[in-house]
Amino acid sequence: MRYFAVPLLLSGVLTILQGVAGIAKDRLYGVPRHYEYRFDLTSWGWIHLVVGVALVIVGVGMLRGTSWRRPAGVTAAAVSLVTQFMFIPYYPLWSISVMALDLIIVFGLARFTADA
């Protein structure tokens, strides 16, 4: 189970960087005009920062072998997957890359039962 800690930490760091760029109002992101989940980039930045910190905390917990590692890992990666999906119009390549990583994490944690 501990081998899923590295992808969780990677996803967390990438999401934190995405959040910091949003909070700093970086010109990296395009702002769509007609989008249902359109928030201010600062709001998206804080959302991604909180989700990224949660992913890092769960990744560290997974490395330490805590008892809550599997449900917390699945939950954090699933929340990250949904927020990345909602962020696709702002920066598609980054969001889809992190979504793929989150999907691998969710699948791996939900599927494999061996504890390594």
Protein backbone atom coordinates (compact mmCIF):
# COMPACT_ATOMS: atom_id res chain seq x y z
CA MET A 1 0.00 0.00 0.00
CA ARG A 2 2.90 2.37 0.65
CA TYR A 3 3.83 2.48 -3.03
CA PHE A 4 0.76 4.66 -3.63
CA ALA A 5 2.25 7.33 -1.37
CA VAL A 6 4.58 8.67 -4.05
CA PRO A 7 1.80 9.32 -6.62
CA LEU A 8 -0.28 10.93 -3.86
CA LEU A 9 2.59 13.20 -2.91
CA LEU A 10 3.25 14.04 -6.57
CA SER A 11 -0.41 14.85 -7.17
CA GLY A 12 -0.44 16.96 -4.02
CA VAL A 13 2.63 18.97 -5.00
CA LEU A 14 1.29 19.54 -8.53
CA THR A 15 -2.06 20.65 -7.14
CA ILE A 16 -0.36 22.99 -4.64
CA LEU A 17 1.62 24.57 -7.48
CA GLN A 18 -1.61 24.95 -9.43
CA GLY A 19 -3.23 26.60 -6.43
CA VAL A 20 -0.34 29.00 -5.83
CA ALA A 21 -0.44 30.07 -9.48
CA GLY A 22 -4.17 30.71 -9.16
CA ILE A 23 -3.82 32.70 -5.95
CA ALA A 24 -1.03 34.80 -7.46
CA LYS A 25 -3.35 35.61 -10.39
CA ASP A 26 -0.80 34.25 -12.81
CA ARG A 27 -1.42 34.82 -16.50
CA LEU A 28 -0.87 31.12 -17.03
CA TYR A 29 -4.58 30.36 -16.98
CA GLY A 30 -7.15 31.26 -19.59
CA VAL A 31 -10.53 32.38 -18.29
CA PRO A 32 -13.51 30.85 -20.10
CA ARG A 33 -16.48 33.10 -20.75
CA HIS A 34 -19.39 30.68 -20.57
CA TYR A 35 -18.73 28.00 -17.99
CA GLU A 36 -21.04 26.82 -15.23
CA TYR A 37 -18.34 26.28 -12.61
CA ARG A 38 -16.57 29.56 -13.32
CA PHE A 39 -15.04 31.00 -10.17
CA ASP A 40 -12.51 33.71 -9.69
CA LEU A 41 -8.99 32.35 -10.20
CA THR A 42 -8.17 33.22 -6.60
CA SER A 43 -11.05 30.99 -5.44
CA TRP A 44 -9.84 28.15 -7.64
CA GLY A 45 -6.34 28.74 -6.29
CA TRP A 46 -7.48 28.32 -2.69
CA ILE A 47 -9.52 25.24 -3.58
CA HIS A 48 -6.51 23.62 -5.24
CA LEU A 49 -4.21 24.65 -2.41
CA VAL A 50 -6.44 23.00 0.21
CA VAL A 51 -6.88 19.85 -1.87
CA GLY A 52 -3.13 19.70 -2.55
CA VAL A 53 -2.26 20.01 1.13
CA ALA A 54 -4.77 17.25 1.92
CA LEU A 55 -3.14 15.01 -0.70
CA VAL A 56 0.31 15.64 0.77
CA ILE A 57 -0.93 14.90 4.30
CA VAL A 58 -2.52 11.65 3.16
CA GLY A 59 0.63 10.74 1.22
CA VAL A 60 2.77 11.25 4.32
CA GLY A 61 0.26 9.24 6.35
CA MET A 62 0.50 6.47 3.79
CA LEU A 63 4.29 6.44 4.07
CA ARG A 64 3.99 6.14 7.84
CA GLY A 65 1.55 3.23 7.53
CA THR A 66 -1.40 4.79 9.35
CA SER A 67 -4.67 2.91 9.69
CA TRP A 68 -6.71 5.52 7.80
CA ARG A 69 -4.48 5.56 4.72
CA ARG A 70 -6.72 3.70 2.26
CA PRO A 71 -10.07 5.48 2.77
CA ALA A 72 -8.36 8.86 3.11
CA GLY A 73 -6.30 8.23 -0.02
CA VAL A 74 -9.30 7.23 -2.10
CA THR A 75 -11.31 10.20 -0.80
CA ALA A 76 -8.56 12.78 -1.32
CA ALA A 77 -7.71 11.52 -4.80
CA ALA A 78 -11.41 11.42 -5.77
CA VAL A 79 -11.93 15.00 -4.57
CA SER A 80 -8.84 16.05 -6.50
CA LEU A 81 -10.15 14.24 -9.58
CA VAL A 82 -13.44 16.13 -9.43
CA THR A 83 -11.81 19.53 -8.87
CA GLN A 84 -9.38 18.92 -11.73
CA PHE A 85 -12.29 17.94 -13.98
CA MET A 86 -14.05 21.19 -13.12
CA PHE A 87 -10.84 23.13 -13.84
CA ILE A 88 -10.31 21.73 -17.37
CA PRO A 89 -11.42 24.92 -19.22
CA TYR A 90 -8.79 26.99 -17.41
CA TYR A 91 -5.73 24.82 -18.15
CA PRO A 92 -6.65 21.55 -19.94
CA LEU A 93 -3.24 19.90 -20.27
CA TRP A 94 -2.32 20.29 -16.59
CA SER A 95 -5.77 19.26 -15.36
CA ILE A 96 -5.97 16.16 -17.53
CA SER A 97 -2.47 15.08 -16.48
CA VAL A 98 -3.29 15.38 -12.79
CA MET A 99 -6.67 13.71 -13.40
CA ALA A 100 -4.91 10.70 -14.94
CA LEU A 101 -2.63 10.47 -11.91
CA ASP A 102 -5.58 10.76 -9.53
CA LEU A 103 -7.48 8.09 -11.44
CA ILE A 104 -4.54 5.69 -11.14
CA ILE A 105 -4.40 6.39 -7.39
CA VAL A 106 -8.13 5.80 -6.90
CA PHE A 107 -8.05 2.61 -8.96
CA GLY A 108 -4.97 1.29 -7.21
CA LEU A 109 -6.16 2.02 -3.69
CA ALA A 110 -9.64 0.68 -4.35
CA ARG A 111 -8.50 -2.43 -6.21
CA PHE A 112 -5.39 -3.81 -4.56
CA THR A 113 -5.61 -5.28 -1.10
CA ALA A 114 -2.00 -6.34 -0.55
CA ASP A 115 -0.25 -4.28 2.08
CA ALA A 116 3.34 -3.54 1.11
